[in-house]
N, C-alpha and C. Protein backbone atom coordinates (compact mmCIF):
# COMPACT_ATOMS: atom_id res chain seq x y z
N MET A 1 73.89 95.25 107.04
CA MET A 1 74.23 96.72 106.71
C MET A 1 75.46 96.50 105.63
N GLN A 2 75.14 97.51 105.00
CA GLN A 2 76.53 97.69 103.68
C GLN A 2 76.85 99.00 103.81
N ILE A 3 77.73 99.30 103.59
CA ILE A 3 78.20 100.49 103.40
C ILE A 3 79.04 100.43 101.89
N LEU A 4 78.97 101.62 101.36
CA LEU A 4 79.58 102.04 100.15
C LEU A 4 80.61 102.72 100.03
N VAL A 5 81.97 102.46 99.77
CA VAL A 5 83.05 103.61 99.50
C VAL A 5 83.36 103.75 98.18
N GLN A 6 83.22 104.86 97.94
CA GLN A 6 83.57 105.00 96.36
C GLN A 6 84.86 106.22 96.73
N VAL A 7 85.58 106.07 95.48
CA VAL A 7 86.99 106.68 95.90
C VAL A 7 87.38 107.38 94.27
N LEU A 8 87.23 108.49 94.31
CA LEU A 8 87.39 109.20 93.08
C LEU A 8 88.82 109.27 93.00
N CYS A 9 89.68 108.76 91.64
CA CYS A 9 91.08 108.72 91.37
C CYS A 9 91.27 109.22 90.17
N THR A 10 92.81 109.39 90.06
CA THR A 10 93.14 110.28 89.21
C THR A 10 93.44 109.24 87.87
N LYS A 11 93.34 109.61 86.44
CA LYS A 11 93.26 108.89 85.47
C LYS A 11 94.60 107.91 85.71
N GLY A 12 94.56 106.54 85.08
CA GLY A 12 95.65 105.98 84.88
C GLY A 12 95.25 104.41 85.14
N PRO A 13 96.25 103.76 85.46
CA PRO A 13 96.00 102.16 85.58
C PRO A 13 95.20 101.94 86.48
N SER A 14 94.68 101.04 86.34
CA SER A 14 93.73 100.13 87.56
C SER A 14 94.06 100.21 88.71
N VAL A 15 93.28 100.95 89.82
CA VAL A 15 93.51 100.88 91.28
C VAL A 15 92.86 99.59 91.81
N ARG A 16 92.21 98.87 91.38
CA ARG A 16 91.73 97.53 91.61
C ARG A 16 92.93 96.50 91.49
N GLN A 17 93.47 96.65 90.46
CA GLN A 17 94.72 95.64 90.09
C GLN A 17 95.93 96.09 90.79
N ARG A 18 96.20 97.14 90.99
CA ARG A 18 97.20 97.57 91.92
C ARG A 18 96.92 97.00 93.50
N ILE A 19 96.01 96.94 93.81
CA ILE A 19 95.41 96.29 95.33
C ILE A 19 95.47 94.98 95.09
N ALA A 20 95.01 94.43 93.98
CA ALA A 20 94.97 93.01 94.00
C ALA A 20 96.56 92.31 93.74
N ASP A 21 97.82 93.22 93.42
CA ASP A 21 98.99 92.82 93.21
C ASP A 21 99.72 93.24 94.30
N ASP A 22 99.26 93.92 95.54
CA ASP A 22 100.27 94.63 96.21
C ASP A 22 100.48 93.53 97.30
N GLY A 23 101.80 93.09 97.26
CA GLY A 23 102.19 92.52 98.35
C GLY A 23 102.42 92.76 99.71
N ARG A 24 102.31 93.94 99.98
CA ARG A 24 101.93 94.28 101.32
C ARG A 24 100.70 94.52 102.08
N ILE A 25 99.63 94.20 101.23
CA ILE A 25 98.06 94.21 101.83
C ILE A 25 97.93 93.28 102.99
N ASP A 26 98.69 92.32 103.17
CA ASP A 26 98.52 91.59 104.37
C ASP A 26 98.74 92.24 105.41
N ASP A 27 99.85 93.26 105.52
CA ASP A 27 99.93 94.38 106.35
C ASP A 27 99.00 94.84 107.15
N PHE A 28 98.01 95.35 106.37
CA PHE A 28 96.89 96.03 106.39
C PHE A 28 95.69 95.26 107.09
N GLY A 29 95.88 94.06 107.26
CA GLY A 29 94.94 93.12 107.36
C GLY A 29 93.65 92.60 106.75
N PHE A 30 94.32 92.50 105.47
CA PHE A 30 93.26 92.41 104.34
C PHE A 30 93.79 91.02 103.32
N GLN A 31 93.18 90.16 102.88
CA GLN A 31 93.77 89.31 101.66
C GLN A 31 92.88 89.06 100.60
N VAL A 32 93.46 89.17 99.51
CA VAL A 32 92.50 89.16 98.43
C VAL A 32 92.14 87.27 98.08
N THR A 33 90.45 87.43 98.15
CA THR A 33 90.08 85.85 98.04
C THR A 33 89.56 85.80 96.89
N LYS A 34 88.92 86.18 96.09
CA LYS A 34 88.64 86.01 94.65
C LYS A 34 89.04 87.09 93.86
N GLU A 35 89.23 86.85 92.22
CA GLU A 35 89.34 87.90 91.52
C GLU A 35 89.37 87.48 90.02
N ALA A 36 88.32 87.98 89.13
CA ALA A 36 88.00 87.83 88.01
C ALA A 36 87.93 86.43 87.69
N GLN A 37 86.62 86.07 88.15
CA GLN A 37 86.37 84.53 87.73
C GLN A 37 85.74 84.79 86.42
N PRO A 38 85.69 83.46 85.60
CA PRO A 38 84.97 83.64 84.57
C PRO A 38 83.39 83.55 84.38
N GLY A 39 82.88 84.37 83.39
CA GLY A 39 81.34 84.50 83.81
C GLY A 39 80.96 85.69 84.28
N ARG A 40 81.98 86.39 85.31
CA ARG A 40 81.57 87.75 85.86
C ARG A 40 82.22 88.72 85.17
N ALA A 41 81.58 89.79 85.42
CA ALA A 41 82.28 91.26 84.82
C ALA A 41 83.95 91.26 85.31
N PRO A 42 84.34 91.73 84.22
CA PRO A 42 85.72 92.00 84.22
C PRO A 42 86.28 93.22 85.48
N GLY A 43 87.15 93.44 86.05
CA GLY A 43 87.44 94.64 86.95
C GLY A 43 86.94 94.53 88.18
N TRP A 44 86.76 93.27 89.36
CA TRP A 44 86.26 93.42 90.58
C TRP A 44 87.32 92.29 90.83
N LEU A 45 87.41 92.51 92.43
CA LEU A 45 87.77 91.48 93.27
C LEU A 45 87.18 91.27 94.74
N LYS A 46 87.50 90.54 95.52
CA LYS A 46 87.01 90.54 96.78
C LYS A 46 88.02 90.64 98.10
N LEU A 47 87.62 90.97 99.03
CA LEU A 47 89.10 91.29 99.91
C LEU A 47 88.35 91.06 101.22
N HIS A 48 88.96 89.74 101.96
CA HIS A 48 88.22 89.78 103.39
C HIS A 48 89.43 89.99 104.25
N ALA A 49 88.88 90.68 105.47
CA ALA A 49 89.75 90.84 106.54
C ALA A 49 90.13 89.60 107.16
N THR A 50 91.42 89.80 107.47
CA THR A 50 92.39 88.52 108.18
C THR A 50 92.81 88.66 109.75
N ASP A 51 92.38 89.93 110.27
CA ASP A 51 92.48 90.17 111.68
C ASP A 51 91.43 89.86 112.32
N THR A 52 91.22 90.32 113.43
CA THR A 52 89.78 90.29 114.44
C THR A 52 88.51 90.94 113.40
N THR A 53 88.64 91.91 112.64
CA THR A 53 87.61 92.54 112.11
C THR A 53 87.07 91.82 111.36
N ARG A 54 85.54 91.33 110.99
CA ARG A 54 84.81 90.51 110.53
C ARG A 54 84.51 91.22 109.25
N GLY A 55 84.51 90.90 107.86
CA GLY A 55 83.86 91.45 106.90
C GLY A 55 84.64 90.96 105.46
N ALA A 56 84.04 91.57 104.76
CA ALA A 56 84.34 91.40 103.05
C ALA A 56 84.28 93.00 102.36
N LEU A 57 85.15 92.85 101.15
CA LEU A 57 84.85 94.23 100.53
C LEU A 57 84.60 93.79 99.13
N ASN A 58 83.99 93.88 98.23
CA ASN A 58 83.81 93.72 97.15
C ASN A 58 83.95 94.96 96.25
N VAL A 59 85.13 94.72 95.25
CA VAL A 59 85.87 95.99 94.90
C VAL A 59 85.69 95.90 93.52
N GLU A 60 85.36 97.16 92.67
CA GLU A 60 85.39 97.30 91.20
C GLU A 60 85.58 98.51 90.97
N TRP A 61 86.37 98.54 89.41
CA TRP A 61 87.28 99.55 89.05
C TRP A 61 86.64 100.11 87.93
N ASP A 62 86.01 101.17 87.54
CA ASP A 62 85.48 101.77 86.40
C ASP A 62 86.66 102.70 86.03
N ALA A 63 86.95 101.89 85.11
CA ALA A 63 88.27 103.03 84.14
C ALA A 63 87.80 103.81 83.44
N GLN A 64 86.60 104.18 83.17
CA GLN A 64 86.26 105.52 82.36
C GLN A 64 85.93 106.44 83.38
N ALA A 65 85.41 106.25 84.02
CA ALA A 65 84.99 107.31 85.23
C ALA A 65 86.42 107.39 86.38
N ALA A 66 87.33 106.42 86.54
CA ALA A 66 88.42 106.26 87.30
C ALA A 66 87.65 106.44 88.50
N ILE A 67 86.88 105.76 89.05
CA ILE A 67 86.39 105.41 90.37
C ILE A 67 86.52 104.19 90.82
N LEU A 68 87.04 103.78 91.97
CA LEU A 68 87.04 102.75 92.74
C LEU A 68 85.80 102.45 93.66
N SER A 69 85.01 101.58 93.51
CA SER A 69 83.70 101.18 94.46
C SER A 69 84.28 99.97 95.34
N ALA A 70 84.00 100.08 96.41
CA ALA A 70 83.71 99.11 97.39
C ALA A 70 82.94 98.98 98.35
N ARG A 71 82.17 97.77 98.42
CA ARG A 71 80.69 97.44 98.96
C ARG A 71 81.18 96.72 100.07
N VAL A 72 81.03 97.09 101.01
CA VAL A 72 81.34 96.58 102.55
C VAL A 72 80.10 95.45 102.89
N VAL A 73 80.47 94.22 103.35
CA VAL A 73 79.49 93.49 103.57
C VAL A 73 79.96 92.68 104.97
N THR A 74 79.01 92.82 106.13
CA THR A 74 79.19 92.31 107.23
C THR A 74 78.38 91.69 107.50
N ARG A 75 78.36 89.89 108.00
CA ARG A 75 77.39 89.36 108.37
C ARG A 75 77.02 89.16 109.65
N ALA A 76 78.30 89.01 110.75
CA ALA A 76 77.57 89.09 112.04
C ALA A 76 77.68 89.91 112.74
N SER A 77 77.99 91.10 111.92
CA SER A 77 77.98 92.60 112.97
C SER A 77 77.29 93.27 112.31
N ARG A 78 76.66 94.43 113.20
CA ARG A 78 75.81 95.29 112.43
C ARG A 78 76.58 96.58 112.48
N THR A 79 77.75 96.52 113.09
CA THR A 79 78.91 97.57 112.65
C THR A 79 80.34 97.22 111.73
N PRO A 80 80.12 97.81 110.46
CA PRO A 80 80.98 97.77 109.35
C PRO A 80 82.10 98.67 109.82
N SER A 81 82.11 99.58 110.50
CA SER A 81 83.15 100.76 110.42
C SER A 81 84.43 100.24 110.70
N PRO A 82 85.00 98.98 111.60
CA PRO A 82 86.31 98.78 111.67
C PRO A 82 86.92 98.79 110.39
N ILE A 83 86.27 97.78 109.44
CA ILE A 83 86.74 97.16 107.88
C ILE A 83 86.67 98.42 107.55
N VAL A 84 85.79 99.37 107.41
CA VAL A 84 85.79 100.60 106.30
C VAL A 84 87.05 101.23 106.77
N GLY A 85 87.23 101.61 107.84
CA GLY A 85 88.49 102.60 108.60
C GLY A 85 89.66 101.59 107.88
N ASP A 86 89.80 100.46 108.06
CA ASP A 86 90.83 99.64 107.68
C ASP A 86 91.28 99.81 106.34
N PHE A 87 90.47 100.09 105.38
CA PHE A 87 90.33 99.80 103.98
C PHE A 87 90.74 101.28 103.49
N ILE A 88 89.94 102.39 104.29
CA ILE A 88 90.67 103.87 103.87
C ILE A 88 91.89 104.19 104.43
N ASN A 89 92.38 103.81 105.30
CA ASN A 89 93.59 103.70 105.78
C ASN A 89 94.61 102.92 104.91
N TYR A 90 94.45 101.72 104.36
CA TYR A 90 95.17 101.06 103.40
C TYR A 90 95.33 102.17 102.07
N LEU A 91 94.11 102.97 101.54
CA LEU A 91 93.92 103.36 100.73
C LEU A 91 95.16 104.56 100.67
N LEU A 92 95.03 105.35 101.78
CA LEU A 92 95.87 106.54 102.08
C LEU A 92 96.88 106.15 102.29
N GLN A 93 97.65 105.32 102.59
CA GLN A 93 99.10 104.91 103.00
C GLN A 93 99.53 104.31 101.70
N ARG A 94 98.66 103.42 100.97
CA ARG A 94 99.46 102.80 99.74
C ARG A 94 98.90 103.39 98.29
N HIS A 95 98.35 104.15 98.30
CA HIS A 95 97.77 104.50 97.05
C HIS A 95 97.48 106.15 97.21
N SER A 96 98.08 107.20 97.91
CA SER A 96 97.39 108.45 98.06
C SER A 96 98.06 109.11 97.15
N ALA A 97 98.73 108.89 96.12
CA ALA A 97 98.91 109.82 95.04
C ALA A 97 98.15 109.57 94.05
N ARG A 98 97.21 108.58 93.80
CA ARG A 98 96.03 108.11 92.93
C ARG A 98 94.71 108.88 93.73
N VAL A 99 94.66 108.91 94.87
CA VAL A 99 93.14 109.04 95.63
C VAL A 99 92.96 110.81 95.60
N GLN A 100 91.69 110.99 95.06
CA GLN A 100 91.44 112.51 94.78
C GLN A 100 90.43 112.78 96.15
N SER A 101 89.42 111.99 96.24
CA SER A 101 88.09 112.07 97.24
C SER A 101 87.66 110.42 97.58
N ILE A 102 87.18 110.41 98.63
CA ILE A 102 86.70 109.07 99.59
C ILE A 102 85.10 109.61 99.74
N THR A 103 84.24 109.06 99.27
CA THR A 103 83.03 109.25 99.95
C THR A 103 82.30 107.78 100.55
N THR A 104 81.57 107.86 101.64
CA THR A 104 81.20 106.62 102.01
C THR A 104 79.50 107.04 102.06
N ALA A 105 78.79 106.16 101.74
CA ALA A 105 77.18 106.15 101.89
C ALA A 105 76.72 104.58 102.59
N ILE A 106 75.57 104.72 103.44
CA ILE A 106 75.18 103.66 103.94
C ILE A 106 74.05 103.01 103.16
N ARG A 107 74.04 101.65 102.91
CA ARG A 107 72.64 101.20 101.86
C ARG A 107 71.76 100.58 102.98
């Protein structure tokens, strides 16, 4: 199962870059594991859950539209809701000034 989380943000610097540079992201149970490899499109990163929640988020930033997209992938579980809730909680606590709207969809 995959869930897509789209976050409409205010115009400004990359929210994806702010997530990548956030020194307190581990307080929310996440770890940045990959970012901007050669040969891949710029503006993406991969977050993995570090606690008992399993799964990963592939995060992309669209600067023109100011939209942060996160595709949630869980292999061993058919219930990705814990990682989605943790990610939304993180966004609202650390980046609430930039967040205008959050939408989720099941793929």
